[in-house]
Amino acid sequence: MQNIYSSTGSHPNELIVNAQTAQSQVSTRSRCYSCASENMKENFLSRNRGPKRRKEEPKLYDNMCDLDTWMIREKSAVECDGSCFKWQQVLNNSGVYSYATIRGCYNKMFDLSSPQTEPEKTMNECMARQMPFDCVDQSSLMEWQCFCKGDYCNSGLGMYPTGISVFAGLLTIYLTFVLS
């Protein structure tokens, strides 16, 4: 870390400028959750479910990774020089939900040298999609993929705290079936 105090110059803003520089250098490094659902453990690096070109296993396989990440905060924390990442797939089978989740530091977990790997996002960004299953009544598959910067920012669905995002997800599911 650079010394934020300057012994040269007498300009009153010099200390502030140097302090801001040091702060921006420190804030580029984040702590991310690095975990995956237990059902993702077998053949994690090569399985077809989830984003492709994985090169590193998560620090922890635990079903708490699906929703309540607070319980695994210290066990799953990793330092990250890039974006934190979260991918989650929720299968709604007539009101019974099953999850597949991956959280981690994107540039550590995925092979960015491959042209088939989605480029790392530098801004907070979430993408979501929902697909109905025509063969099973009242069933759908929802998928989220989010990039973010900041300590433990990959905790909830989307960029929101877990409780709010679960409520929003369930409300979306409810409205989908009520309005269809």
C-alpha atoms as a PDB file:
ATOM      1  CA  MET A   1       0.000   0.000   0.000  1.00  0.00           C
ATOM      2  CA  GLN A   2       1.305   3.436  -0.831  1.00  0.00           C
ATOM      3  CA  ASN A   3       2.029   6.002   1.863  1.00  0.00           C
ATOM      4  CA  ILE A   4      -0.912   8.392   1.870  1.00  0.00           C
ATOM      5  CA  TYR A   5       1.007  11.168   3.609  1.00  0.00           C
ATOM      6  CA  SER A   6       3.141  13.443   1.496  1.00  0.00           C
ATOM      7  CA  SER A   7       6.196  15.182   2.843  1.00  0.00           C
ATOM      8  CA  THR A   8       6.698  17.303  -0.269  1.00  0.00           C
ATOM      9  CA  GLY A   9       4.667  20.285  -1.310  1.00  0.00           C
ATOM     10  CA  SER A  10       2.442  22.455   0.797  1.00  0.00           C
ATOM     11  CA  HIS A  11      -0.763  22.500  -1.198  1.00  0.00           C
ATOM     12  CA  PRO A  12      -3.740  21.895   1.151  1.00  0.00           C
ATOM     13  CA  ASN A  13      -5.382  19.375  -1.232  1.00  0.00           C
ATOM     14  CA  GLU A  14      -2.278  17.244  -1.611  1.00  0.00           C
ATOM     15  CA  LEU A  15      -3.107  14.980   1.326  1.00  0.00           C
ATOM     16  CA  ILE A  16      -6.685  14.515   0.119  1.00  0.00           C
ATOM     17  CA  VAL A  17      -5.576  13.568  -3.397  1.00  0.00           C
ATOM     18  CA  ASN A  18      -3.085  11.038  -2.065  1.00  0.00           C
ATOM     19  CA  ALA A  19      -5.633   9.588   0.356  1.00  0.00           C
ATOM     20  CA  GLN A  20      -8.149   9.175  -2.459  1.00  0.00           C
ATOM     21  CA  THR A  21      -5.529   7.423  -4.588  1.00  0.00           C
ATOM     22  CA  ALA A  22      -4.734   4.980  -1.789  1.00  0.00           C
ATOM     23  CA  GLN A  23      -8.423   4.359  -1.154  1.00  0.00           C
ATOM     24  CA  SER A  24      -9.125   3.594  -4.815  1.00  0.00           C
ATOM     25  CA  GLN A  25      -6.210   1.148  -4.903  1.00  0.00           C
ATOM     26  CA  VAL A  26      -7.458  -0.669  -1.819  1.00  0.00           C
ATOM     27  CA  SER A  27     -11.081  -0.786  -2.979  1.00  0.00           C
ATOM     28  CA  THR A  28     -10.255  -2.648  -6.219  1.00  0.00           C
ATOM     29  CA  ARG A  29      -9.834  -5.832  -4.156  1.00  0.00           C
ATOM     30  CA  SER A  30     -13.000  -7.437  -2.790  1.00  0.00           C
ATOM     31  CA  ARG A  31     -14.010 -10.421  -0.736  1.00  0.00           C
ATOM     32  CA  CYS A  32     -16.431 -12.718  -2.546  1.00  0.00           C
ATOM     33  CA  TYR A  33     -18.369 -15.793  -1.552  1.00  0.00           C
ATOM     34  CA  SER A  34     -16.831 -18.864  -3.220  1.00  0.00           C
ATOM     35  CA  CYS A  35     -19.312 -21.711  -2.957  1.00  0.00           C
ATOM     36  CA  ALA A  36     -21.647 -23.947  -4.904  1.00  0.00           C
ATOM     37  CA  SER A  37     -24.689 -26.076  -4.165  1.00  0.00           C
ATOM     38  CA  GLU A  38     -23.941 -29.618  -3.038  1.00  0.00           C
ATOM     39  CA  ASN A  39     -25.668 -30.910  -6.186  1.00  0.00           C
ATOM     40  CA  MET A  40     -22.973 -29.181  -8.297  1.00  0.00           C
ATOM     41  CA  LYS A  41     -20.024 -31.000  -6.663  1.00  0.00           C
ATOM     42  CA  GLU A  42     -19.783 -34.026  -8.945  1.00  0.00           C
ATOM     43  CA  ASN A  43     -17.690 -33.168 -12.025  1.00  0.00           C
ATOM     44  CA  PHE A  44     -17.901 -29.463 -11.191  1.00  0.00           C
ATOM     45  CA  LEU A  45     -15.276 -28.358 -13.698  1.00  0.00           C
ATOM     46  CA  SER A  46     -16.698 -30.291 -16.652  1.00  0.00           C
ATOM     47  CA  ARG A  47     -20.441 -30.596 -16.101  1.00  0.00           C
ATOM     48  CA  ASN A  48     -22.823 -28.908 -18.515  1.00  0.00           C
ATOM     49  CA  ARG A  49     -25.055 -27.208 -15.950  1.00  0.00           C
ATOM     50  CA  GLY A  50     -24.066 -23.601 -15.356  1.00  0.00           C
ATOM     51  CA  PRO A  51     -21.540 -21.323 -17.026  1.00  0.00           C
ATOM     52  CA  LYS A  52     -18.876 -23.124 -19.043  1.00  0.00           C
ATOM     53  CA  ARG A  53     -15.079 -23.007 -18.924  1.00  0.00           C
ATOM     54  CA  ARG A  54     -14.723 -23.347 -15.165  1.00  0.00           C
ATOM     55  CA  LYS A  55     -11.094 -23.787 -14.109  1.00  0.00           C
ATOM     56  CA  GLU A  56     -11.284 -23.680 -10.307  1.00  0.00           C
ATOM     57  CA  GLU A  57     -13.484 -25.424  -7.755  1.00  0.00           C
ATOM     58  CA  PRO A  58     -15.311 -23.227  -5.253  1.00  0.00           C
ATOM     59  CA  LYS A  59     -13.929 -23.059  -1.744  1.00  0.00           C
ATOM     60  CA  LEU A  60     -17.059 -24.716  -0.317  1.00  0.00           C
ATOM     61  CA  TYR A  61     -19.904 -26.981  -1.465  1.00  0.00           C
ATOM     62  CA  ASP A  62     -22.901 -26.337   0.767  1.00  0.00           C
ATOM     63  CA  ASN A  63     -26.627 -25.872   0.191  1.00  0.00           C
ATOM     64  CA  MET A  64     -26.446 -22.696   2.295  1.00  0.00           C
ATOM     65  CA  CYS A  65     -24.872 -21.231  -0.842  1.00  0.00           C
ATOM     66  CA  ASP A  66     -28.332 -21.291  -2.447  1.00  0.00           C
ATOM     67  CA  LEU A  67     -29.988 -18.710  -0.194  1.00  0.00           C
ATOM     68  CA  ASP A  68     -28.566 -17.988   3.268  1.00  0.00           C
ATOM     69  CA  THR A  69     -24.937 -17.136   2.593  1.00  0.00           C
ATOM     70  CA  TRP A  70     -24.510 -15.402   5.954  1.00  0.00           C
ATOM     71  CA  MET A  71     -24.040 -18.791   7.643  1.00  0.00           C
ATOM     72  CA  ILE A  72     -21.075 -19.663   5.385  1.00  0.00           C
ATOM     73  CA  ARG A  73     -19.547 -16.190   5.165  1.00  0.00           C
ATOM     74  CA  GLU A  74     -16.137 -16.924   6.692  1.00  0.00           C
ATOM     75  CA  LYS A  75     -15.830 -20.507   5.412  1.00  0.00           C
ATOM     76  CA  SER A  76     -16.415 -19.463   1.814  1.00  0.00           C
ATOM     77  CA  ALA A  77     -14.690 -16.056   1.603  1.00  0.00           C
ATOM     78  CA  VAL A  78     -11.974 -15.470  -1.013  1.00  0.00           C
ATOM     79  CA  GLU A  79      -9.976 -12.399  -2.007  1.00  0.00           C
ATOM     80  CA  CYS A  80     -10.763 -11.157  -5.515  1.00  0.00           C
ATOM     81  CA  ASP A  81      -9.006  -8.662  -7.771  1.00  0.00           C
ATOM     82  CA  GLY A  82     -11.892  -8.625 -10.250  1.00  0.00           C
ATOM     83  CA  SER A  83     -15.655  -9.015 -10.161  1.00  0.00           C
ATOM     84  CA  CYS A  84     -17.574 -11.225  -7.789  1.00  0.00           C
ATOM     85  CA  PHE A  85     -19.969 -13.522  -9.627  1.00  0.00           C
ATOM     86  CA  LYS A  86     -23.158 -15.417  -8.945  1.00  0.00           C
ATOM     87  CA  TRP A  87     -25.043 -17.825 -11.179  1.00  0.00           C
ATOM     88  CA  GLN A  88     -28.228 -19.448  -9.954  1.00  0.00           C
ATOM     89  CA  GLN A  89     -30.809 -21.682 -11.533  1.00  0.00           C
ATOM     90  CA  VAL A  90     -34.133 -22.317  -9.801  1.00  0.00           C
ATOM     91  CA  LEU A  91     -36.393 -25.085 -11.025  1.00  0.00           C
ATOM     92  CA  ASN A  92     -40.033 -24.623 -10.046  1.00  0.00           C
ATOM     93  CA  ASN A  93     -41.733 -27.987 -10.381  1.00  0.00           C
ATOM     94  CA  SER A  94     -45.366 -27.129  -9.580  1.00  0.00           C
ATOM     95  CA  GLY A  95     -44.390 -25.127  -6.499  1.00  0.00           C
ATOM     96  CA  VAL A  96     -41.480 -27.306  -5.350  1.00  0.00           C
ATOM     97  CA  TYR A  97     -38.182 -25.475  -5.844  1.00  0.00           C
ATOM     98  CA  SER A  98     -34.714 -26.884  -6.412  1.00  0.00           C
ATOM     99  CA  TYR A  99     -31.567 -24.796  -6.725  1.00  0.00           C
ATOM    100  CA  ALA A 100     -28.191 -24.904  -8.419  1.00  0.00           C
ATOM    101  CA  THR A 101     -25.868 -22.072  -7.413  1.00  0.00           C
ATOM    102  CA  ILE A 102     -22.292 -21.014  -8.118  1.00  0.00           C
ATOM    103  CA  ARG A 103     -20.654 -18.014  -6.421  1.00  0.00           C
ATOM    104  CA  GLY A 104     -17.056 -16.922  -6.725  1.00  0.00           C
ATOM    105  CA  CYS A 105     -14.403 -14.569  -8.000  1.00  0.00           C
ATOM    106  CA  TYR A 106     -15.004 -14.604 -11.753  1.00  0.00           C
ATOM    107  CA  ASN A 107     -11.407 -14.246 -12.935  1.00  0.00           C
ATOM    108  CA  LYS A 108     -10.266 -17.063 -10.620  1.00  0.00           C
ATOM    109  CA  MET A 109     -13.094 -19.505 -11.325  1.00  0.00           C
ATOM    110  CA  PHE A 110     -13.406 -19.132 -15.118  1.00  0.00           C
ATOM    111  CA  ASP A 111     -10.899 -19.400 -17.966  1.00  0.00           C
ATOM    112  CA  LEU A 112     -10.861 -15.855 -19.332  1.00  0.00           C
ATOM    113  CA  SER A 113      -8.306 -16.787 -22.007  1.00  0.00           C
ATOM    114  CA  SER A 114     -10.941 -18.887 -23.804  1.00  0.00           C
ATOM    115  CA  PRO A 115     -13.029 -17.060 -26.426  1.00  0.00           C
ATOM    116  CA  GLN A 116     -15.994 -19.197 -25.305  1.00  0.00           C
ATOM    117  CA  THR A 117     -15.949 -17.681 -21.811  1.00  0.00           C
ATOM    118  CA  GLU A 118     -18.178 -14.686 -21.300  1.00  0.00           C
ATOM    119  CA  PRO A 119     -16.006 -11.609 -20.694  1.00  0.00           C
ATOM    120  CA  GLU A 120     -15.857 -10.353 -17.131  1.00  0.00           C
ATOM    121  CA  LYS A 121     -18.188  -7.413 -16.500  1.00  0.00           C
ATOM    122  CA  THR A 122     -16.624  -4.356 -14.895  1.00  0.00           C
ATOM    123  CA  MET A 123     -19.900  -2.844 -13.691  1.00  0.00           C
ATOM    124  CA  ASN A 124     -22.603  -4.255 -11.424  1.00  0.00           C
ATOM    125  CA  GLU A 125     -24.849  -6.166 -13.791  1.00  0.00           C
ATOM    126  CA  CYS A 126     -27.465  -8.907 -13.557  1.00  0.00           C
ATOM    127  CA  MET A 127     -29.163 -10.870 -16.272  1.00  0.00           C
ATOM    128  CA  ALA A 128     -32.220 -13.022 -15.676  1.00  0.00           C
ATOM    129  CA  ARG A 129     -34.336 -15.297 -17.800  1.00  0.00           C
ATOM    130  CA  GLN A 130     -37.301 -17.559 -17.247  1.00  0.00           C
ATOM    131  CA  MET A 131     -38.296 -20.506 -19.381  1.00  0.00           C
ATOM    132  CA  PRO A 132     -41.532 -22.480 -19.026  1.00  0.00           C
ATOM    133  CA  PHE A 133     -41.553 -26.255 -19.333  1.00  0.00           C
ATOM    134  CA  ASP A 134     -44.331 -27.209 -21.724  1.00  0.00           C
ATOM    135  CA  CYS A 135     -44.156 -30.869 -20.750  1.00  0.00           C
ATOM    136  CA  VAL A 136     -44.807 -30.267 -17.017  1.00  0.00           C
ATOM    137  CA  ASP A 137     -47.817 -28.216 -15.907  1.00  0.00           C
ATOM    138  CA  GLN A 138     -47.003 -25.125 -13.810  1.00  0.00           C
ATOM    139  CA  SER A 139     -43.243 -25.557 -14.052  1.00  0.00           C
ATOM    140  CA  SER A 140     -40.516 -23.161 -15.055  1.00  0.00           C
ATOM    141  CA  LEU A 141     -36.791 -22.659 -14.937  1.00  0.00           C
ATOM    142  CA  MET A 142     -35.411 -19.317 -13.766  1.00  0.00           C
ATOM    143  CA  GLU A 143     -31.763 -18.376 -14.181  1.00  0.00           C
ATOM    144  CA  TRP A 144     -29.756 -15.420 -12.849  1.00  0.00           C
ATOM    145  CA  GLN A 145     -26.207 -14.388 -13.633  1.00  0.00           C
ATOM    146  CA  CYS A 146     -24.699 -11.409 -11.814  1.00  0.00           C
ATOM    147  CA  PHE A 147     -21.383  -9.579 -11.690  1.00  0.00           C
ATOM    148  CA  CYS A 148     -20.603  -7.087  -8.946  1.00  0.00           C
ATOM    149  CA  LYS A 149     -17.832  -5.215  -7.155  1.00  0.00           C
ATOM    150  CA  GLY A 150     -17.548  -4.912  -3.384  1.00  0.00           C
ATOM    151  CA  ASP A 151     -17.210  -7.129  -0.352  1.00  0.00           C
ATOM    152  CA  TYR A 152     -19.678 -10.030  -0.337  1.00  0.00           C
ATOM    153  CA  CYS A 153     -21.755  -8.374  -3.064  1.00  0.00           C
ATOM    154  CA  ASN A 154     -22.530 -11.799  -4.606  1.00  0.00           C
ATOM    155  CA  SER A 155     -24.679 -12.811  -1.634  1.00  0.00           C
ATOM    156  CA  GLY A 156     -28.284 -12.488  -2.830  1.00  0.00           C
ATOM    157  CA  LEU A 157     -30.325 -13.085  -5.942  1.00  0.00           C
ATOM    158  CA  GLY A 158     -29.519 -10.191  -8.195  1.00  0.00           C
ATOM    159  CA  MET A 159     -27.841  -7.316  -6.388  1.00  0.00           C
ATOM    160  CA  TYR A 160     -30.222  -7.203  -3.466  1.00  0.00           C
ATOM    161  CA  PRO A 161     -30.044  -8.670   0.031  1.00  0.00           C
ATOM    162  CA  THR A 162     -31.162 -12.289   0.131  1.00  0.00           C
ATOM    163  CA  GLY A 163     -34.471 -11.703   1.931  1.00  0.00           C
ATOM    164  CA  ILE A 164     -35.636  -9.083  -0.544  1.00  0.00           C
ATOM    165  CA  SER A 165     -34.530 -11.121  -3.540  1.00  0.00           C
ATOM    166  CA  VAL A 166     -36.250 -14.297  -2.356  1.00  0.00           C
ATOM    167  CA  PHE A 167     -39.450 -12.318  -1.852  1.00  0.00           C
ATOM    168  CA  ALA A 168     -39.090 -10.753  -5.314  1.00  0.00           C
ATOM    169  CA  GLY A 169     -38.424 -14.156  -6.873  1.00  0.00           C
ATOM    170  CA  LEU A 170     -41.428 -15.752  -5.208  1.00  0.00           C
ATOM    171  CA  LEU A 171     -43.612 -12.790  -6.166  1.00  0.00           C
ATOM    172  CA  THR A 172     -42.495 -13.180  -9.795  1.00  0.00           C
ATOM    173  CA  ILE A 173     -43.347 -16.874  -9.723  1.00  0.00           C
ATOM    174  CA  TYR A 174     -46.730 -16.214  -8.145  1.00  0.00           C
ATOM    175  CA  LEU A 175     -47.623 -13.499 -10.659  1.00  0.00           C
ATOM    176  CA  THR A 176     -46.469 -15.691 -13.546  1.00  0.00           C
ATOM    177  CA  PHE A 177     -48.954 -18.399 -12.626  1.00  0.00           C
ATOM    178  CA  VAL A 178     -51.796 -16.085 -11.588  1.00  0.00           C
ATOM    179  CA  LEU A 179     -51.578 -14.030 -14.771  1.00  0.00           C
ATOM    180  CA  SER A 180     -51.095 -16.950 -17.155  1.00  0.00           C
END
